[in-house]
């Protein structure tokens, strides 16, 4: 078992009007070794979002993509492939779920992967992505649909 910690901290700034919703949603998320500037989504709070900060929905999409990548790299190595680059332009969609509540309902991963030497066949690649999805701790922790759309090999 492992335990993970994050500290989220926000402070009302001078001149802001909390009672009327006129306050920055900018805050920090601190981990053991680093601090990340964070905010609410601009799609939700408009001008009250902090510029240059990451929002929770972006962090969720990034976490899913990051976990899938790390697990894929591991599975590819075990299968005898040498990955030299992995880039994913992941995208999450927030909409009403089946219960009528706003949620990230779908995350699409679009990895572009480069190899040194042998490249997996389409069947092998799909198997590696399936194994990565099955083993990804974050994918196993969320209810949204996760789809992989890797471009076909040259």
N, C-alpha and C. Protein backbone atom coordinates (compact mmCIF):
# COMPACT_ATOMS: atom_id res chain seq x y z
N UNK A 1 0.84 -1.18 0.00
CA UNK A 1 0.00 0.00 0.00
C UNK A 1 0.88 1.24 0.00
N UNK A 2 0.44 2.27 -0.67
CA UNK A 2 1.14 3.55 -0.70
C UNK A 2 0.15 4.65 -0.35
N UNK A 3 0.65 5.72 0.19
CA UNK A 3 -0.17 6.88 0.53
C UNK A 3 0.39 8.09 -0.21
N UNK A 4 -0.50 8.87 -0.81
CA UNK A 4 -0.10 10.06 -1.56
C UNK A 4 -0.75 11.28 -0.92
N UNK A 5 0.00 12.37 -0.84
CA UNK A 5 -0.51 13.57 -0.19
C UNK A 5 -0.36 14.78 -1.09
N UNK A 6 -1.32 15.65 -1.01
CA UNK A 6 -1.27 16.95 -1.68
C UNK A 6 -1.91 17.96 -0.74
N UNK A 7 -1.34 19.14 -0.70
CA UNK A 7 -1.92 20.21 0.11
C UNK A 7 -2.43 21.28 -0.84
N UNK A 8 -3.71 21.60 -0.74
CA UNK A 8 -4.33 22.63 -1.55
C UNK A 8 -4.56 23.84 -0.66
N UNK A 9 -4.08 25.02 -1.13
CA UNK A 9 -4.19 26.21 -0.28
C UNK A 9 -4.65 27.41 -1.10
N UNK A 10 -5.66 28.10 -0.59
CA UNK A 10 -6.22 29.30 -1.21
C UNK A 10 -6.37 30.36 -0.13
N UNK A 11 -6.18 31.63 -0.49
CA UNK A 11 -6.36 32.74 0.44
C UNK A 11 -7.08 33.87 -0.27
N UNK A 12 -8.09 34.45 0.40
CA UNK A 12 -8.79 35.62 -0.13
C UNK A 12 -7.83 36.79 -0.14
N UNK A 13 -7.76 37.50 -1.27
CA UNK A 13 -6.86 38.63 -1.40
C UNK A 13 -7.58 39.93 -1.04
N UNK A 14 -6.81 40.92 -0.58
CA UNK A 14 -7.38 42.23 -0.25
C UNK A 14 -8.17 42.77 -1.44
N UNK A 15 -9.34 43.30 -1.16
CA UNK A 15 -10.17 43.91 -2.19
C UNK A 15 -11.11 42.94 -2.90
N UNK A 16 -10.96 41.66 -2.67
CA UNK A 16 -11.86 40.71 -3.30
C UNK A 16 -13.16 40.63 -2.51
N UNK A 17 -14.25 40.28 -3.20
CA UNK A 17 -15.58 40.23 -2.59
C UNK A 17 -16.09 38.79 -2.61
N UNK A 18 -15.77 38.06 -1.55
CA UNK A 18 -16.13 36.64 -1.47
C UNK A 18 -17.64 36.43 -1.53
N UNK A 19 -18.39 37.23 -0.77
CA UNK A 19 -19.84 37.06 -0.67
C UNK A 19 -20.53 37.17 -2.03
N UNK A 20 -19.98 37.96 -2.94
CA UNK A 20 -20.57 38.15 -4.26
C UNK A 20 -19.86 37.38 -5.36
N UNK A 21 -18.95 36.48 -4.98
CA UNK A 21 -18.28 35.62 -5.95
C UNK A 21 -17.19 36.31 -6.75
N UNK A 22 -16.76 37.48 -6.30
CA UNK A 22 -15.72 38.23 -7.02
C UNK A 22 -14.37 38.04 -6.33
N UNK A 23 -13.82 36.88 -6.57
CA UNK A 23 -12.52 36.55 -5.98
C UNK A 23 -11.79 35.58 -6.90
N UNK A 24 -10.48 35.65 -6.85
CA UNK A 24 -9.66 34.77 -7.68
C UNK A 24 -9.80 33.33 -7.21
N UNK A 25 -9.85 32.42 -8.19
CA UNK A 25 -9.88 31.00 -7.87
C UNK A 25 -8.46 30.42 -7.87
N UNK A 26 -7.47 31.30 -8.04
CA UNK A 26 -6.08 30.87 -8.02
C UNK A 26 -5.67 30.35 -6.66
N UNK A 27 -4.93 29.27 -6.65
CA UNK A 27 -4.46 28.65 -5.42
C UNK A 27 -3.21 27.84 -5.74
N UNK A 28 -2.69 27.14 -4.77
CA UNK A 28 -1.55 26.26 -5.02
C UNK A 28 -1.88 24.84 -4.61
N UNK A 29 -1.24 23.91 -5.31
CA UNK A 29 -1.29 22.51 -4.94
C UNK A 29 0.15 22.13 -4.65
N UNK A 30 0.41 21.74 -3.41
CA UNK A 30 1.77 21.41 -3.00
C UNK A 30 1.92 19.91 -2.80
N UNK A 31 3.03 19.40 -3.31
CA UNK A 31 3.39 18.01 -3.14
C UNK A 31 4.69 17.96 -2.34
N UNK A 32 5.21 16.81 -2.09
CA UNK A 32 6.41 16.67 -1.26
C UNK A 32 7.58 17.52 -1.77
N UNK A 33 7.74 17.60 -3.09
CA UNK A 33 8.92 18.27 -3.62
C UNK A 33 8.63 19.43 -4.56
N UNK A 34 7.39 19.79 -4.77
CA UNK A 34 7.10 20.90 -5.67
C UNK A 34 5.71 21.49 -5.42
N UNK A 35 5.54 22.70 -5.95
CA UNK A 35 4.28 23.42 -5.83
C UNK A 35 3.78 23.76 -7.23
N UNK A 36 2.50 23.56 -7.48
CA UNK A 36 1.90 23.81 -8.78
C UNK A 36 0.86 24.92 -8.64
N UNK A 37 0.95 25.98 -9.47
CA UNK A 37 -0.12 26.98 -9.45
C UNK A 37 -1.39 26.37 -10.05
N UNK A 38 -2.50 26.54 -9.37
CA UNK A 38 -3.75 25.91 -9.79
C UNK A 38 -4.88 26.93 -9.78
N UNK A 39 -5.99 26.56 -10.40
CA UNK A 39 -7.14 27.44 -10.51
C UNK A 39 -8.38 26.62 -10.82
N UNK A 40 -9.53 27.27 -10.78
CA UNK A 40 -10.74 26.65 -11.32
C UNK A 40 -10.70 26.83 -12.83
N UNK A 41 -11.44 26.02 -13.55
CA UNK A 41 -11.47 26.08 -15.00
C UNK A 41 -12.06 27.40 -15.49
N UNK A 42 -11.45 27.98 -16.51
CA UNK A 42 -12.00 29.19 -17.13
C UNK A 42 -13.40 28.92 -17.69
N UNK A 43 -13.65 27.66 -18.08
CA UNK A 43 -14.97 27.30 -18.60
C UNK A 43 -16.04 27.42 -17.52
N UNK A 44 -15.63 27.37 -16.26
CA UNK A 44 -16.57 27.41 -15.15
C UNK A 44 -16.65 28.80 -14.52
N UNK A 45 -15.51 29.45 -14.30
CA UNK A 45 -15.51 30.72 -13.55
C UNK A 45 -15.06 31.93 -14.36
N UNK A 46 -14.80 31.74 -15.65
CA UNK A 46 -14.45 32.87 -16.51
C UNK A 46 -13.25 33.64 -16.02
N UNK A 47 -13.42 34.98 -15.89
CA UNK A 47 -12.30 35.86 -15.54
C UNK A 47 -11.73 35.62 -14.14
N UNK A 48 -12.41 34.85 -13.32
CA UNK A 48 -11.93 34.61 -11.97
C UNK A 48 -10.91 33.46 -11.92
N UNK A 49 -10.67 32.83 -13.05
CA UNK A 49 -9.62 31.81 -13.13
C UNK A 49 -8.27 32.51 -13.14
N UNK A 50 -7.29 31.88 -12.52
CA UNK A 50 -5.94 32.46 -12.47
C UNK A 50 -5.18 32.13 -13.75
N UNK A 51 -4.63 33.15 -14.42
CA UNK A 51 -3.86 32.86 -15.64
C UNK A 51 -2.60 32.06 -15.33
N UNK A 52 -2.23 31.19 -16.24
CA UNK A 52 -0.99 30.43 -16.09
C UNK A 52 -1.05 29.30 -15.08
N UNK A 53 -2.25 28.95 -14.65
CA UNK A 53 -2.40 27.88 -13.65
C UNK A 53 -3.18 26.72 -14.26
N UNK A 54 -3.02 25.55 -13.69
CA UNK A 54 -3.69 24.34 -14.18
C UNK A 54 -4.97 24.12 -13.38
N UNK A 55 -6.02 23.64 -14.07
CA UNK A 55 -7.27 23.40 -13.36
C UNK A 55 -7.45 21.91 -13.07
N UNK A 56 -8.37 21.55 -12.18
CA UNK A 56 -8.54 20.14 -11.78
C UNK A 56 -8.85 19.21 -12.95
N UNK A 57 -9.64 19.68 -13.90
CA UNK A 57 -9.98 18.84 -15.04
C UNK A 57 -8.75 18.56 -15.89
N UNK A 58 -7.91 19.58 -16.08
CA UNK A 58 -6.66 19.38 -16.82
C UNK A 58 -5.75 18.40 -16.08
N UNK A 59 -5.70 18.53 -14.75
CA UNK A 59 -4.86 17.62 -13.97
C UNK A 59 -5.36 16.18 -14.09
N UNK A 60 -6.68 16.00 -14.13
CA UNK A 60 -7.25 14.66 -14.27
C UNK A 60 -6.86 14.05 -15.62
N UNK A 61 -7.03 14.83 -16.69
CA UNK A 61 -6.68 14.34 -18.02
C UNK A 61 -5.19 14.02 -18.07
N UNK A 62 -4.37 14.91 -17.52
CA UNK A 62 -2.91 14.69 -17.51
C UNK A 62 -2.56 13.45 -16.69
N UNK A 63 -3.23 13.23 -15.58
CA UNK A 63 -2.95 12.06 -14.74
C UNK A 63 -3.26 10.76 -15.49
N UNK A 64 -4.37 10.74 -16.19
CA UNK A 64 -4.74 9.55 -16.96
C UNK A 64 -3.71 9.30 -18.06
N UNK A 65 -3.36 10.36 -18.80
CA UNK A 65 -2.38 10.25 -19.88
C UNK A 65 -1.02 9.83 -19.35
N UNK A 66 -0.60 10.45 -18.27
CA UNK A 66 0.70 10.16 -17.67
C UNK A 66 0.80 8.72 -17.21
N UNK A 67 -0.22 8.25 -16.52
CA UNK A 67 -0.22 6.87 -16.01
C UNK A 67 -0.23 5.87 -17.16
N UNK A 68 -1.04 6.15 -18.20
CA UNK A 68 -1.09 5.25 -19.35
C UNK A 68 0.28 5.18 -20.01
N UNK A 69 0.92 6.35 -20.19
CA UNK A 69 2.24 6.38 -20.83
C UNK A 69 3.26 5.56 -20.04
N UNK A 70 3.34 5.80 -18.74
CA UNK A 70 4.33 5.09 -17.92
C UNK A 70 4.09 3.59 -17.95
N UNK A 71 2.82 3.18 -17.92
CA UNK A 71 2.51 1.76 -17.95
C UNK A 71 2.79 1.18 -19.34
N UNK A 72 2.48 1.94 -20.39
CA UNK A 72 2.78 1.49 -21.75
C UNK A 72 4.28 1.30 -21.94
N UNK A 73 5.08 2.26 -21.46
CA UNK A 73 6.54 2.14 -21.59
C UNK A 73 7.03 0.85 -20.92
N UNK A 74 6.50 0.57 -19.76
CA UNK A 74 6.88 -0.65 -19.03
C UNK A 74 6.50 -1.90 -19.83
N UNK A 75 5.25 -1.93 -20.33
CA UNK A 75 4.78 -3.11 -21.08
C UNK A 75 5.58 -3.26 -22.39
N UNK A 76 5.89 -2.16 -23.06
CA UNK A 76 6.65 -2.22 -24.31
C UNK A 76 8.06 -2.76 -24.04
N UNK A 77 8.68 -2.31 -22.96
CA UNK A 77 10.01 -2.81 -22.60
C UNK A 77 9.97 -4.31 -22.34
N UNK A 78 8.97 -4.76 -21.60
CA UNK A 78 8.86 -6.19 -21.31
C UNK A 78 8.62 -7.00 -22.58
N UNK A 79 7.97 -6.39 -23.58
CA UNK A 79 7.70 -7.09 -24.84
C UNK A 79 8.89 -7.03 -25.79
N UNK A 80 9.97 -6.36 -25.38
CA UNK A 80 11.18 -6.32 -26.19
C UNK A 80 11.29 -5.14 -27.15
N UNK A 81 10.44 -4.15 -27.02
CA UNK A 81 10.51 -2.97 -27.89
C UNK A 81 11.28 -1.86 -27.18
N UNK A 82 11.92 -1.01 -27.97
CA UNK A 82 12.65 0.14 -27.42
C UNK A 82 11.93 1.40 -27.85
N UNK A 83 11.27 2.05 -26.92
CA UNK A 83 10.56 3.30 -27.20
C UNK A 83 11.55 4.45 -27.00
N UNK A 84 11.61 5.34 -28.00
CA UNK A 84 12.53 6.48 -27.89
C UNK A 84 11.79 7.80 -27.69
N UNK A 85 10.50 7.81 -27.95
CA UNK A 85 9.71 9.03 -27.74
C UNK A 85 8.25 8.63 -27.61
N UNK A 86 7.57 9.31 -26.70
CA UNK A 86 6.14 9.10 -26.50
C UNK A 86 5.53 10.48 -26.28
N UNK A 87 4.62 10.87 -27.12
CA UNK A 87 3.94 12.16 -26.98
C UNK A 87 2.45 11.90 -27.07
N UNK A 88 1.68 12.45 -26.14
CA UNK A 88 0.24 12.24 -26.13
C UNK A 88 -0.47 13.58 -26.06
N UNK A 89 -1.32 13.85 -27.03
CA UNK A 89 -2.17 15.04 -27.02
C UNK A 89 -3.54 14.62 -26.48
N UNK A 90 -3.60 14.36 -25.19
CA UNK A 90 -4.82 13.85 -24.56
C UNK A 90 -5.89 14.94 -24.48
N UNK A 91 -7.14 14.49 -24.50
CA UNK A 91 -8.27 15.42 -24.45
C UNK A 91 -9.37 14.84 -23.60
N UNK A 92 -9.89 15.65 -22.69
CA UNK A 92 -11.00 15.23 -21.86
C UNK A 92 -12.24 16.04 -22.19
N UNK A 93 -13.40 15.42 -22.08
CA UNK A 93 -14.66 16.09 -22.35
C UNK A 93 -15.48 16.14 -21.06
N UNK A 94 -15.91 17.34 -20.69
CA UNK A 94 -16.77 17.48 -19.52
C UNK A 94 -18.18 17.79 -20.02
N UNK A 95 -19.12 17.00 -19.52
CA UNK A 95 -20.52 17.15 -19.90
C UNK A 95 -21.36 16.50 -18.81
N UNK A 96 -22.65 16.57 -18.96
CA UNK A 96 -23.53 15.91 -17.99
C UNK A 96 -23.41 14.40 -18.14
N UNK A 97 -23.29 13.71 -17.00
CA UNK A 97 -23.23 12.25 -17.03
C UNK A 97 -24.65 11.67 -16.99
N UNK A 98 -24.75 10.36 -16.88
CA UNK A 98 -26.05 9.68 -16.88
C UNK A 98 -26.94 10.13 -15.73
N UNK A 99 -26.32 10.62 -14.64
CA UNK A 99 -27.09 11.10 -13.49
C UNK A 99 -27.43 12.59 -13.60
N UNK A 100 -27.04 13.22 -14.72
CA UNK A 100 -27.33 14.63 -14.91
C UNK A 100 -26.34 15.57 -14.23
N UNK A 101 -25.23 15.03 -13.73
CA UNK A 101 -24.22 15.85 -13.06
C UNK A 101 -23.06 16.09 -14.02
N UNK A 102 -22.43 17.26 -13.89
CA UNK A 102 -21.26 17.57 -14.72
C UNK A 102 -20.10 16.67 -14.29
N UNK A 103 -19.44 16.10 -15.30
CA UNK A 103 -18.32 15.18 -15.03
C UNK A 103 -17.44 15.10 -16.27
N UNK A 104 -16.19 14.74 -16.07
CA UNK A 104 -15.34 14.38 -17.19
C UNK A 104 -15.80 12.97 -17.57
N UNK A 105 -16.45 12.84 -18.72
CA UNK A 105 -17.07 11.58 -19.10
C UNK A 105 -16.21 10.75 -20.05
N UNK A 106 -15.26 11.40 -20.71
CA UNK A 106 -14.45 10.69 -21.71
C UNK A 106 -13.09 11.35 -21.80
N UNK A 107 -12.06 10.53 -21.81
CA UNK A 107 -10.70 11.01 -22.05
C UNK A 107 -10.17 10.23 -23.24
N UNK A 108 -9.72 10.98 -24.25
CA UNK A 108 -9.14 10.36 -25.43
C UNK A 108 -7.64 10.58 -25.42
N UNK A 109 -6.90 9.49 -25.49
CA UNK A 109 -5.44 9.54 -25.55
C UNK A 109 -5.04 9.40 -27.01
N UNK A 110 -4.12 10.24 -27.45
CA UNK A 110 -3.67 10.21 -28.85
C UNK A 110 -2.14 10.11 -28.89
N UNK A 111 -1.61 8.99 -28.45
CA UNK A 111 -0.15 8.87 -28.40
C UNK A 111 0.49 8.77 -29.78
N UNK A 112 1.65 9.40 -29.88
CA UNK A 112 2.54 9.25 -31.03
C UNK A 112 3.81 8.65 -30.45
N UNK A 113 4.17 7.46 -30.91
CA UNK A 113 5.26 6.73 -30.28
C UNK A 113 6.33 6.40 -31.32
N UNK A 114 7.58 6.68 -30.96
CA UNK A 114 8.71 6.35 -31.84
C UNK A 114 9.50 5.21 -31.19
N UNK A 115 10.05 4.36 -32.04
CA UNK A 115 10.78 3.18 -31.58
C UNK A 115 12.16 3.15 -32.21
N UNK A 116 13.09 2.50 -31.54
CA UNK A 116 14.40 2.20 -32.10
C UNK A 116 14.40 0.71 -32.41
N UNK A 117 14.65 0.36 -33.66
CA UNK A 117 14.62 -1.05 -34.04
C UNK A 117 13.22 -1.51 -34.36
N UNK A 118 12.90 -2.72 -33.93
CA UNK A 118 11.60 -3.33 -34.24
C UNK A 118 10.45 -2.49 -33.69
N UNK A 119 9.40 -2.38 -34.51
CA UNK A 119 8.18 -1.70 -34.11
C UNK A 119 7.09 -2.75 -33.95
N UNK A 120 6.19 -2.55 -33.00
CA UNK A 120 5.11 -3.53 -32.85
C UNK A 120 4.17 -3.49 -34.05
N UNK A 121 3.60 -4.64 -34.37
CA UNK A 121 2.54 -4.68 -35.37
C UNK A 121 1.33 -3.97 -34.78
N UNK A 122 0.33 -3.71 -35.59
CA UNK A 122 -0.89 -3.07 -35.09
C UNK A 122 -1.52 -3.91 -33.98
N UNK A 123 -1.52 -5.23 -34.16
CA UNK A 123 -2.08 -6.13 -33.14
C UNK A 123 -1.26 -6.06 -31.85
N UNK A 124 0.06 -6.08 -31.95
CA UNK A 124 0.92 -5.98 -30.76
C UNK A 124 0.73 -4.63 -30.07
N UNK A 125 0.67 -3.56 -30.86
CA UNK A 125 0.48 -2.22 -30.31
C UNK A 125 -0.83 -2.14 -29.55
N UNK A 126 -1.92 -2.65 -30.15
CA UNK A 126 -3.22 -2.63 -29.47
C UNK A 126 -3.18 -3.43 -28.17
N UNK A 127 -2.47 -4.55 -28.20
CA UNK A 127 -2.33 -5.38 -26.98
C UNK A 127 -1.57 -4.61 -25.91
N UNK A 128 -0.51 -3.91 -26.29
CA UNK A 128 0.26 -3.12 -25.33
C UNK A 128 -0.60 -2.02 -24.71
N UNK A 129 -1.41 -1.35 -25.54
CA UNK A 129 -2.29 -0.31 -25.00
C UNK A 129 -3.35 -0.92 -24.09
N UNK A 130 -3.88 -2.07 -24.46
CA UNK A 130 -4.87 -2.74 -23.61
C UNK A 130 -4.26 -3.11 -22.26
N UNK A 131 -3.06 -3.68 -22.29
CA UNK A 131 -2.38 -4.05 -21.04
C UNK A 131 -2.09 -2.80 -20.20
N UNK A 132 -1.66 -1.74 -20.86
CA UNK A 132 -1.37 -0.49 -20.13
C UNK A 132 -2.64 0.04 -19.48
N UNK A 133 -3.74 0.00 -20.20
CA UNK A 133 -5.01 0.47 -19.65
C UNK A 133 -5.43 -0.38 -18.45
N UNK A 134 -5.31 -1.69 -18.58
CA UNK A 134 -5.71 -2.59 -17.51
C UNK A 134 -4.86 -2.42 -16.25
N UNK A 135 -3.60 -2.07 -16.41
CA UNK A 135 -2.69 -1.95 -15.27
C UNK A 135 -2.56 -0.52 -14.73
N UNK A 136 -3.04 0.46 -15.46
CA UNK A 136 -2.89 1.86 -15.06
C UNK A 136 -3.69 2.14 -13.78
N UNK A 137 -3.00 2.57 -12.74
CA UNK A 137 -3.64 2.82 -11.45
C UNK A 137 -4.72 3.89 -11.55
N UNK A 138 -4.46 4.93 -12.34
CA UNK A 138 -5.43 6.02 -12.45
C UNK A 138 -6.65 5.56 -13.24
N UNK A 139 -6.44 4.85 -14.36
CA UNK A 139 -7.57 4.35 -15.13
C UNK A 139 -8.45 3.44 -14.27
N UNK A 140 -7.82 2.70 -13.37
CA UNK A 140 -8.56 1.82 -12.48
C UNK A 140 -9.29 2.58 -11.38
N UNK A 141 -9.03 3.89 -11.27
CA UNK A 141 -9.60 4.71 -10.20
C UNK A 141 -10.72 5.63 -10.67
N UNK A 142 -10.95 5.72 -11.97
CA UNK A 142 -11.95 6.66 -12.48
C UNK A 142 -13.07 5.92 -13.21
N UNK A 143 -14.19 6.62 -13.38
CA UNK A 143 -15.33 6.00 -14.06
C UNK A 143 -15.52 6.49 -15.49
N UNK A 144 -14.76 7.50 -15.92
CA UNK A 144 -14.94 8.00 -17.28
C UNK A 144 -14.40 7.00 -18.31
N UNK A 145 -14.93 7.09 -19.51
CA UNK A 145 -14.46 6.26 -20.60
C UNK A 145 -13.07 6.74 -21.03
N UNK A 146 -12.16 5.80 -21.28
CA UNK A 146 -10.82 6.14 -21.75
C UNK A 146 -10.61 5.43 -23.07
N UNK A 147 -10.29 6.21 -24.10
CA UNK A 147 -10.12 5.69 -25.45
C UNK A 147 -8.72 6.02 -25.93
N UNK A 148 -8.07 5.08 -26.62
CA UNK A 148 -6.75 5.31 -27.20
C UNK A 148 -6.89 5.36 -28.71
N UNK A 149 -6.42 6.46 -29.30
CA UNK A 149 -6.46 6.63 -30.76
C UNK A 149 -5.04 6.88 -31.26
N UNK A 150 -4.21 5.86 -31.26
CA UNK A 150 -2.85 6.03 -31.75
C UNK A 150 -2.86 6.03 -33.27
N UNK A 151 -2.09 6.93 -33.83
CA UNK A 151 -1.98 7.00 -35.28
C UNK A 151 -1.33 5.72 -35.79
N UNK A 152 -1.75 5.29 -36.96
CA UNK A 152 -1.19 4.07 -37.57
C UNK A 152 0.29 4.29 -37.86
N UNK A 153 1.05 3.23 -37.86
CA UNK A 153 2.49 3.30 -38.15
C UNK A 153 2.69 3.63 -39.62
N UNK A 154 3.82 4.27 -39.87
CA UNK A 154 4.20 4.56 -41.27
C UNK A 154 4.58 3.30 -41.99
